[in-house]
Amino acid sequence: MTESSNADAAVITAIELSKVVARQPSAAGEATLGILHQVSFSVMRGEAVAIVGASGSGKSTLLGLLAGLDTPSSGRVILAGQDLGALDEDARAALRGRLLGFVFQSFQLLASMNALENVMLPLELAGRRDAKSVARAALQRVGLGERLDHYPKHLSGGEQQRVALARAFAVSPQLLLADEPTGNLDAETGAQIIELMFEMNAESGTTLLLVTHDEVLARRCGRMLRLTSGRLEL
């Protein structure tokens, strides 16, 4: 492939995995356990793709690789044209801060910060001088314009996940990684959060990779990939 065709591919491809293998030491430390086996797939920019699989299928490991939090034992993980294996930890962190938004099952809000401060944090880390106004607008978008000064302990689970959505989208990510975003919510609240997430994703044109065991939710995405015992089903 020529240099120009590589550049063209980077423009349209958000994620590319090529023959990714992930292993980790066994509990006894005498052998390694295979977590992912020769996983290959690509995601185009603007796509919404679900990764489904039972507990232990390798979904969390895959998400960590895509976020650059871990590196594969072999194979390549390419994010927006950047080979994560060719970057050191600091460079991967910088890329993560610039390109990615995250929504977790456990919300991952800082208890010592109110809603506004939680949303401002990644913006401030990116050096944004308009962090406060952008964070305020993001919280208004998720229906929490009157809850800016509330701390996580004073917010319901659904409200905390709305703060997490505001934080994820405030940085205008190219790629949103959502890990079981309704896992800690009741069915009605979870449905509201999912509607909001898909609305915001459509508005922003963000690429969405949704990790879930819920196949009804997964079918809301344009494409579904299934992991079974660390292998991608074809």
C-alpha atoms as a PDB file:
ATOM      1  CA  MET A   1       0.000   0.000   0.000  1.00  0.00           C
ATOM      2  CA  THR A   2       1.379   3.426  -0.948  1.00  0.00           C
ATOM      3  CA  GLU A   3       1.870   6.326   1.446  1.00  0.00           C
ATOM      4  CA  SER A   4      -1.096   8.184  -0.052  1.00  0.00           C
ATOM      5  CA  SER A   5      -3.384   5.147   0.199  1.00  0.00           C
ATOM      6  CA  ASN A   6      -2.333   4.696   3.845  1.00  0.00           C
ATOM      7  CA  ALA A   7      -3.298   8.319   4.476  1.00  0.00           C
ATOM      8  CA  ASP A   8      -6.636   7.838   2.700  1.00  0.00           C
ATOM      9  CA  ALA A   9      -7.369   4.759   4.820  1.00  0.00           C
ATOM     10  CA  ALA A  10      -6.584   6.688   8.006  1.00  0.00           C
ATOM     11  CA  VAL A  11      -9.121   9.332   7.006  1.00  0.00           C
ATOM     12  CA  ILE A  12     -12.001   6.854   6.864  1.00  0.00           C
ATOM     13  CA  THR A  13     -10.914   4.222   9.405  1.00  0.00           C
ATOM     14  CA  ALA A  14     -11.360   4.921  13.107  1.00  0.00           C
ATOM     15  CA  ILE A  15     -10.128   1.552  14.388  1.00  0.00           C
ATOM     16  CA  GLU A  16      -8.205  -1.306  12.833  1.00  0.00           C
ATOM     17  CA  LEU A  17      -7.146  -4.474  14.630  1.00  0.00           C
ATOM     18  CA  SER A  18      -4.898  -6.942  12.847  1.00  0.00           C
ATOM     19  CA  LYS A  19      -4.332 -10.443  14.260  1.00  0.00           C
ATOM     20  CA  VAL A  20      -4.388  -9.205  17.849  1.00  0.00           C
ATOM     21  CA  VAL A  21      -3.378 -11.681  20.521  1.00  0.00           C
ATOM     22  CA  ALA A  22      -3.554 -10.929  24.252  1.00  0.00           C
ATOM     23  CA  ARG A  23      -2.097 -13.176  26.914  1.00  0.00           C
ATOM     24  CA  GLN A  24      -1.654 -12.779  30.640  1.00  0.00           C
ATOM     25  CA  PRO A  25       0.227 -14.808  33.270  1.00  0.00           C
ATOM     26  CA  SER A  26      -1.720 -17.524  35.012  1.00  0.00           C
ATOM     27  CA  ALA A  27      -2.398 -17.247  38.736  1.00  0.00           C
ATOM     28  CA  ALA A  28       0.480 -19.612  39.424  1.00  0.00           C
ATOM     29  CA  GLY A  29       2.758 -17.579  37.181  1.00  0.00           C
ATOM     30  CA  GLU A  30       4.042 -20.688  35.411  1.00  0.00           C
ATOM     31  CA  ALA A  31       2.185 -20.234  32.126  1.00  0.00           C
ATOM     32  CA  THR A  32       0.230 -17.667  30.165  1.00  0.00           C
ATOM     33  CA  LEU A  33      -3.488 -17.619  29.549  1.00  0.00           C
ATOM     34  CA  GLY A  34      -4.826 -16.667  26.134  1.00  0.00           C
ATOM     35  CA  ILE A  35      -7.441 -13.885  26.400  1.00  0.00           C
ATOM     36  CA  LEU A  36      -7.752 -12.788  22.757  1.00  0.00           C
ATOM     37  CA  HIS A  37      -6.849 -14.966  19.788  1.00  0.00           C
ATOM     38  CA  GLN A  38      -6.052 -13.498  16.345  1.00  0.00           C
ATOM     39  CA  VAL A  39      -8.752 -10.813  16.526  1.00  0.00           C
ATOM     40  CA  SER A  40      -9.033  -8.682  13.384  1.00  0.00           C
ATOM     41  CA  PHE A  41     -11.668  -6.106  12.446  1.00  0.00           C
ATOM     42  CA  SER A  42     -12.003  -2.486  11.403  1.00  0.00           C
ATOM     43  CA  VAL A  43     -14.475   0.274  12.212  1.00  0.00           C
ATOM     44  CA  MET A  44     -15.136   3.127   9.813  1.00  0.00           C
ATOM     45  CA  ARG A  45     -15.457   6.682  11.056  1.00  0.00           C
ATOM     46  CA  GLY A  46     -19.017   7.512  12.054  1.00  0.00           C
ATOM     47  CA  GLU A  47     -20.022   3.856  12.524  1.00  0.00           C
ATOM     48  CA  ALA A  48     -21.805   2.531  15.595  1.00  0.00           C
ATOM     49  CA  VAL A  49     -20.523  -0.969  16.342  1.00  0.00           C
ATOM     50  CA  ALA A  50     -21.416  -3.260  19.243  1.00  0.00           C
ATOM     51  CA  ILE A  51     -19.055  -5.856  20.699  1.00  0.00           C
ATOM     52  CA  VAL A  52     -21.087  -8.556  22.411  1.00  0.00           C
ATOM     53  CA  GLY A  53     -20.080 -11.586  24.408  1.00  0.00           C
ATOM     54  CA  ALA A  54     -20.537 -13.353  27.703  1.00  0.00           C
ATOM     55  CA  SER A  55     -18.541 -12.507  30.800  1.00  0.00           C
ATOM     56  CA  GLY A  56     -14.961 -13.690  30.309  1.00  0.00           C
ATOM     57  CA  SER A  57     -15.120 -13.532  26.516  1.00  0.00           C
ATOM     58  CA  GLY A  58     -12.399 -10.863  26.334  1.00  0.00           C
ATOM     59  CA  LYS A  59     -14.528  -7.726  25.915  1.00  0.00           C
ATOM     60  CA  SER A  60     -12.834  -5.744  28.697  1.00  0.00           C
ATOM     61  CA  THR A  61      -9.374  -6.753  27.493  1.00  0.00           C
ATOM     62  CA  LEU A  62     -10.278  -5.623  23.986  1.00  0.00           C
ATOM     63  CA  LEU A  63     -11.523  -2.281  25.268  1.00  0.00           C
ATOM     64  CA  GLY A  64      -8.293  -1.734  27.203  1.00  0.00           C
ATOM     65  CA  LEU A  65      -6.289  -2.377  24.036  1.00  0.00           C
ATOM     66  CA  LEU A  66      -8.408   0.022  22.001  1.00  0.00           C
ATOM     67  CA  ALA A  67      -7.944   2.714  24.639  1.00  0.00           C
ATOM     68  CA  GLY A  68      -4.194   2.216  24.647  1.00  0.00           C
ATOM     69  CA  LEU A  69      -4.271   1.241  28.315  1.00  0.00           C
ATOM     70  CA  ASP A  70      -2.618  -2.077  27.426  1.00  0.00           C
ATOM     71  CA  THR A  71      -0.640  -3.385  24.476  1.00  0.00           C
ATOM     72  CA  PRO A  72      -1.248  -6.696  22.705  1.00  0.00           C
ATOM     73  CA  SER A  73       1.076  -9.662  23.012  1.00  0.00           C
ATOM     74  CA  SER A  74       1.186  -9.621  19.227  1.00  0.00           C
ATOM     75  CA  GLY A  75      -0.698  -7.997  16.365  1.00  0.00           C
ATOM     76  CA  ARG A  76      -1.489  -4.363  15.723  1.00  0.00           C
ATOM     77  CA  VAL A  77      -4.039  -1.909  17.117  1.00  0.00           C
ATOM     78  CA  ILE A  78      -4.386   1.187  14.941  1.00  0.00           C
ATOM     79  CA  LEU A  79      -6.412   4.144  16.168  1.00  0.00           C
ATOM     80  CA  ALA A  80      -7.111   6.995  13.730  1.00  0.00           C
ATOM     81  CA  GLY A  81      -4.103   5.953  11.686  1.00  0.00           C
ATOM     82  CA  GLN A  82      -1.764   5.674  14.685  1.00  0.00           C
ATOM     83  CA  ASP A  83      -0.227   2.301  15.521  1.00  0.00           C
ATOM     84  CA  LEU A  84      -0.557   2.197  19.310  1.00  0.00           C
ATOM     85  CA  GLY A  85       2.245  -0.349  19.565  1.00  0.00           C
ATOM     86  CA  ALA A  86       4.669   2.177  18.102  1.00  0.00           C
ATOM     87  CA  LEU A  87       3.891   4.745  20.818  1.00  0.00           C
ATOM     88  CA  ASP A  88       5.223   4.923  24.355  1.00  0.00           C
ATOM     89  CA  GLU A  89       2.889   5.212  27.325  1.00  0.00           C
ATOM     90  CA  ASP A  90       2.933   9.024  27.379  1.00  0.00           C
ATOM     91  CA  ALA A  91       2.175   9.247  23.662  1.00  0.00           C
ATOM     92  CA  ARG A  92      -0.703   6.781  24.018  1.00  0.00           C
ATOM     93  CA  ALA A  93      -2.097   8.838  26.908  1.00  0.00           C
ATOM     94  CA  ALA A  94      -1.879  12.009  24.817  1.00  0.00           C
ATOM     95  CA  LEU A  95      -3.659  10.311  21.914  1.00  0.00           C
ATOM     96  CA  ARG A  96      -6.317   8.981  24.288  1.00  0.00           C
ATOM     97  CA  GLY A  97      -6.945  12.448  25.689  1.00  0.00           C
ATOM     98  CA  ARG A  98      -7.192  13.962  22.224  1.00  0.00           C
ATOM     99  CA  LEU A  99      -9.369  11.390  20.460  1.00  0.00           C
ATOM    100  CA  LEU A 100     -11.374   9.333  22.944  1.00  0.00           C
ATOM    101  CA  GLY A 101     -14.416   9.714  25.138  1.00  0.00           C
ATOM    102  CA  PHE A 102     -15.396   7.074  27.692  1.00  0.00           C
ATOM    103  CA  VAL A 103     -18.639   5.989  29.331  1.00  0.00           C
ATOM    104  CA  PHE A 104     -18.261   3.291  31.982  1.00  0.00           C
ATOM    105  CA  GLN A 105     -20.695   1.047  33.819  1.00  0.00           C
ATOM    106  CA  SER A 106     -19.426   2.441  37.138  1.00  0.00           C
ATOM    107  CA  PHE A 107     -19.633   6.119  36.029  1.00  0.00           C
ATOM    108  CA  GLN A 108     -16.054   6.888  37.183  1.00  0.00           C
ATOM    109  CA  LEU A 109     -16.903  10.309  38.611  1.00  0.00           C
ATOM    110  CA  LEU A 110     -14.597  11.901  41.162  1.00  0.00           C
ATOM    111  CA  ALA A 111     -16.437  12.077  44.488  1.00  0.00           C
ATOM    112  CA  SER A 112     -14.562  15.227  45.554  1.00  0.00           C
ATOM    113  CA  MET A 113     -15.760  17.191  42.514  1.00  0.00           C
ATOM    114  CA  ASN A 114     -19.233  18.441  41.694  1.00  0.00           C
ATOM    115  CA  ALA A 115     -20.916  17.725  38.358  1.00  0.00           C
ATOM    116  CA  LEU A 116     -19.502  20.810  36.656  1.00  0.00           C
ATOM    117  CA  GLU A 117     -15.967  20.121  37.895  1.00  0.00           C
ATOM    118  CA  ASN A 118     -16.135  16.478  36.772  1.00  0.00           C
ATOM    119  CA  VAL A 119     -17.036  17.545  33.239  1.00  0.00           C
ATOM    120  CA  MET A 120     -14.478  20.344  33.242  1.00  0.00           C
ATOM    121  CA  LEU A 121     -11.598  18.074  34.242  1.00  0.00           C
ATOM    122  CA  PRO A 122     -10.700  16.510  30.850  1.00  0.00           C
ATOM    123  CA  LEU A 123     -11.141  19.893  29.186  1.00  0.00           C
ATOM    124  CA  GLU A 124      -8.757  21.514  31.656  1.00  0.00           C
ATOM    125  CA  LEU A 125      -6.254  18.706  31.189  1.00  0.00           C
ATOM    126  CA  ALA A 126      -6.403  19.458  27.459  1.00  0.00           C
ATOM    127  CA  GLY A 127      -5.633  23.124  28.177  1.00  0.00           C
ATOM    128  CA  ARG A 128      -9.057  24.441  27.161  1.00  0.00           C
ATOM    129  CA  ARG A 129      -9.604  27.983  28.418  1.00  0.00           C
ATOM    130  CA  ASP A 130     -13.336  27.643  27.779  1.00  0.00           C
ATOM    131  CA  ALA A 131     -13.624  24.523  29.962  1.00  0.00           C
ATOM    132  CA  LYS A 132     -16.269  25.976  32.269  1.00  0.00           C
ATOM    133  CA  SER A 133     -18.616  27.229  29.560  1.00  0.00           C
ATOM    134  CA  VAL A 134     -18.253  24.050  27.495  1.00  0.00           C
ATOM    135  CA  ALA A 135     -18.874  21.865  30.560  1.00  0.00           C
ATOM    136  CA  ARG A 136     -21.919  23.903  31.550  1.00  0.00           C
ATOM    137  CA  ALA A 137     -23.385  23.577  28.043  1.00  0.00           C
ATOM    138  CA  ALA A 138     -22.737  19.825  28.040  1.00  0.00           C
ATOM    139  CA  LEU A 139     -24.557  19.387  31.348  1.00  0.00           C
ATOM    140  CA  GLN A 140     -27.457  21.449  30.070  1.00  0.00           C
ATOM    141  CA  ARG A 141     -27.602  19.167  27.030  1.00  0.00           C
ATOM    142  CA  VAL A 142     -28.069  16.105  29.260  1.00  0.00           C
ATOM    143  CA  GLY A 143     -30.731  17.822  31.366  1.00  0.00           C
ATOM    144  CA  LEU A 144     -28.598  18.686  34.393  1.00  0.00           C
ATOM    145  CA  GLY A 145     -28.324  22.446  33.975  1.00  0.00           C
ATOM    146  CA  GLU A 146     -29.781  22.894  37.452  1.00  0.00           C
ATOM    147  CA  ARG A 147     -27.472  20.336  39.092  1.00  0.00           C
ATOM    148  CA  LEU A 148     -24.061  21.804  38.318  1.00  0.00           C
ATOM    149  CA  ASP A 149     -23.026  22.161  41.963  1.00  0.00           C
ATOM    150  CA  HIS A 150     -24.199  18.725  43.078  1.00  0.00           C
ATOM    151  CA  TYR A 151     -21.646  16.092  44.052  1.00  0.00           C
ATOM    152  CA  PRO A 152     -21.953  12.476  42.855  1.00  0.00           C
ATOM    153  CA  LYS A 153     -23.252  11.264  46.224  1.00  0.00           C
ATOM    154  CA  HIS A 154     -26.210  13.632  45.835  1.00  0.00           C
ATOM    155  CA  LEU A 155     -27.061  12.406  42.322  1.00  0.00           C
ATOM    156  CA  SER A 156     -29.021   9.310  41.343  1.00  0.00           C
ATOM    157  CA  GLY A 157     -27.380   6.609  39.234  1.00  0.00           C
ATOM    158  CA  GLY A 158     -29.085   7.921  36.113  1.00  0.00           C
ATOM    159  CA  GLU A 159     -27.950  11.459  36.867  1.00  0.00           C
ATOM    160  CA  GLN A 160     -24.384  10.285  37.443  1.00  0.00           C
ATOM    161  CA  GLN A 161     -24.396   8.531  34.069  1.00  0.00           C
ATOM    162  CA  ARG A 162     -25.706  11.751  32.482  1.00  0.00           C
ATOM    163  CA  VAL A 163     -22.721  13.576  33.968  1.00  0.00           C
ATOM    164  CA  ALA A 164     -20.495  10.858  32.517  1.00  0.00           C
ATOM    165  CA  LEU A 165     -22.107  11.345  29.084  1.00  0.00           C
ATOM    166  CA  ALA A 166     -21.619  15.103  29.321  1.00  0.00           C
ATOM    167  CA  ARG A 167     -17.962  14.577  30.242  1.00  0.00           C
ATOM    168  CA  ALA A 168     -17.439  12.145  27.352  1.00  0.00           C
ATOM    169  CA  PHE A 169     -18.984  14.353  24.681  1.00  0.00           C
ATOM    170  CA  ALA A 170     -17.647  17.678  26.020  1.00  0.00           C
ATOM    171  CA  VAL A 171     -14.192  16.926  24.621  1.00  0.00           C
ATOM    172  CA  SER A 172     -15.640  16.383  21.101  1.00  0.00           C
ATOM    173  CA  PRO A 173     -14.135  12.897  20.785  1.00  0.00           C
ATOM    174  CA  GLN A 174     -13.603  11.177  17.472  1.00  0.00           C
ATOM    175  CA  LEU A 175     -14.354   7.843  19.129  1.00  0.00           C
ATOM    176  CA  LEU A 176     -16.640   7.032  22.047  1.00  0.00           C
ATOM    177  CA  LEU A 177     -15.960   3.806  23.950  1.00  0.00           C
ATOM    178  CA  ALA A 178     -18.975   2.757  26.014  1.00  0.00           C
ATOM    179  CA  ASP A 179     -18.508  -0.162  28.414  1.00  0.00           C
ATOM    180  CA  GLU A 180     -21.841  -1.646  29.624  1.00  0.00           C
ATOM    181  CA  PRO A 181     -23.230   1.914  30.061  1.00  0.00           C
ATOM    182  CA  THR A 182     -26.531   0.702  31.556  1.00  0.00           C
ATOM    183  CA  GLY A 183     -25.077  -2.058  33.733  1.00  0.00           C
ATOM    184  CA  ASN A 184     -25.724  -0.260  37.039  1.00  0.00           C
ATOM    185  CA  LEU A 185     -29.085   1.240  36.101  1.00  0.00           C
ATOM    186  CA  ASP A 186     -32.659  -0.003  36.279  1.00  0.00           C
ATOM    187  CA  ALA A 187     -34.360  -0.814  32.980  1.00  0.00           C
ATOM    188  CA  GLU A 188     -36.294   2.439  32.636  1.00  0.00           C
ATOM    189  CA  THR A 189     -33.352   4.685  33.527  1.00  0.00           C
ATOM    190  CA  GLY A 190     -31.045   2.624  31.335  1.00  0.00           C
ATOM    191  CA  ALA A 191     -33.356   3.050  28.357  1.00  0.00           C
ATOM    192  CA  GLN A 192     -33.366   6.825  28.868  1.00  0.00           C
ATOM    193  CA  ILE A 193     -29.573   6.923  29.031  1.00  0.00           C
ATOM    194  CA  ILE A 194     -29.233   4.851  25.862  1.00  0.00           C
ATOM    195  CA  GLU A 195     -31.633   7.120  23.972  1.00  0.00           C
ATOM    196  CA  LEU A 196     -29.637  10.139  25.096  1.00  0.00           C
ATOM    197  CA  MET A 197     -26.312   8.527  24.189  1.00  0.00           C
ATOM    198  CA  PHE A 198     -27.457   7.649  20.665  1.00  0.00           C
ATOM    199  CA  GLU A 199     -28.961  11.123  20.192  1.00  0.00           C
ATOM    200  CA  MET A 200     -25.729  12.814  21.220  1.00  0.00           C
ATOM    201  CA  ASN A 201     -23.669  10.422  19.145  1.00  0.00           C
ATOM    202  CA  ALA A 202     -25.750  11.202  16.050  1.00  0.00           C
ATOM    203  CA  GLU A 203     -25.488  14.937  16.689  1.00  0.00           C
ATOM    204  CA  SER A 204     -21.712  14.819  17.008  1.00  0.00           C
ATOM    205  CA  GLY A 205     -20.993  12.255  14.284  1.00  0.00           C
ATOM    206  CA  THR A 206     -18.752  10.373  16.696  1.00  0.00           C
ATOM    207  CA  THR A 207     -17.686   6.799  16.022  1.00  0.00           C
ATOM    208  CA  LEU A 208     -19.236   4.588  18.699  1.00  0.00           C
ATOM    209  CA  LEU A 209     -17.908   1.283  19.975  1.00  0.00           C
ATOM    210  CA  LEU A 210     -20.342  -0.194  22.478  1.00  0.00           C
ATOM    211  CA  VAL A 211     -19.299  -3.153  24.635  1.00  0.00           C
ATOM    212  CA  THR A 212     -22.285  -4.993  26.063  1.00  0.00           C
ATOM    213  CA  HIS A 213     -23.761  -8.386  26.880  1.00  0.00           C
ATOM    214  CA  ASP A 214     -27.239  -7.020  26.019  1.00  0.00           C
ATOM    215  CA  GLU A 215     -28.053  -8.069  22.459  1.00  0.00           C
ATOM    216  CA  VAL A 216     -31.209  -5.935  22.325  1.00  0.00           C
ATOM    217  CA  LEU A 217     -29.056  -2.896  23.022  1.00  0.00           C
ATOM    218  CA  ALA A 218     -26.376  -4.127  20.614  1.00  0.00           C
ATOM    219  CA  ARG A 219     -28.908  -4.251  17.788  1.00  0.00           C
ATOM    220  CA  ARG A 220     -29.338  -0.496  18.117  1.00  0.00           C
ATOM    221  CA  CYS A 221     -25.900  -0.224  16.511  1.00  0.00           C
ATOM    222  CA  GLY A 222     -25.321  -0.527  12.798  1.00  0.00           C
ATOM    223  CA  ARG A 223     -23.169  -3.626  13.211  1.00  0.00           C
ATOM    224  CA  MET A 224     -22.592  -6.275  15.865  1.00  0.00           C
ATOM    225  CA  LEU A 225     -19.409  -8.281  16.449  1.00  0.00           C
ATOM    226  CA  ARG A 226     -19.415 -11.288  18.759  1.00  0.00           C
ATOM    227  CA  LEU A 227     -16.553 -12.468  20.950  1.00  0.00           C
ATOM    228  CA  THR A 228     -16.595 -16.065  22.140  1.00  0.00           C
ATOM    229  CA  SER A 229     -13.743 -17.250  24.370  1.00  0.00           C
ATOM    230  CA  GLY A 230     -11.499 -14.550  22.974  1.00  0.00           C
ATOM    231  CA  ARG A 231     -12.241 -15.284  19.339  1.00  0.00           C
ATOM    232  CA  LEU A 232     -14.206 -13.098  16.978  1.00  0.00           C
ATOM    233  CA  GLU A 233     -17.020 -15.063  15.355  1.00  0.00           C
ATOM    234  CA  LEU A 234     -17.292 -14.608  11.599  1.00  0.00           C
END
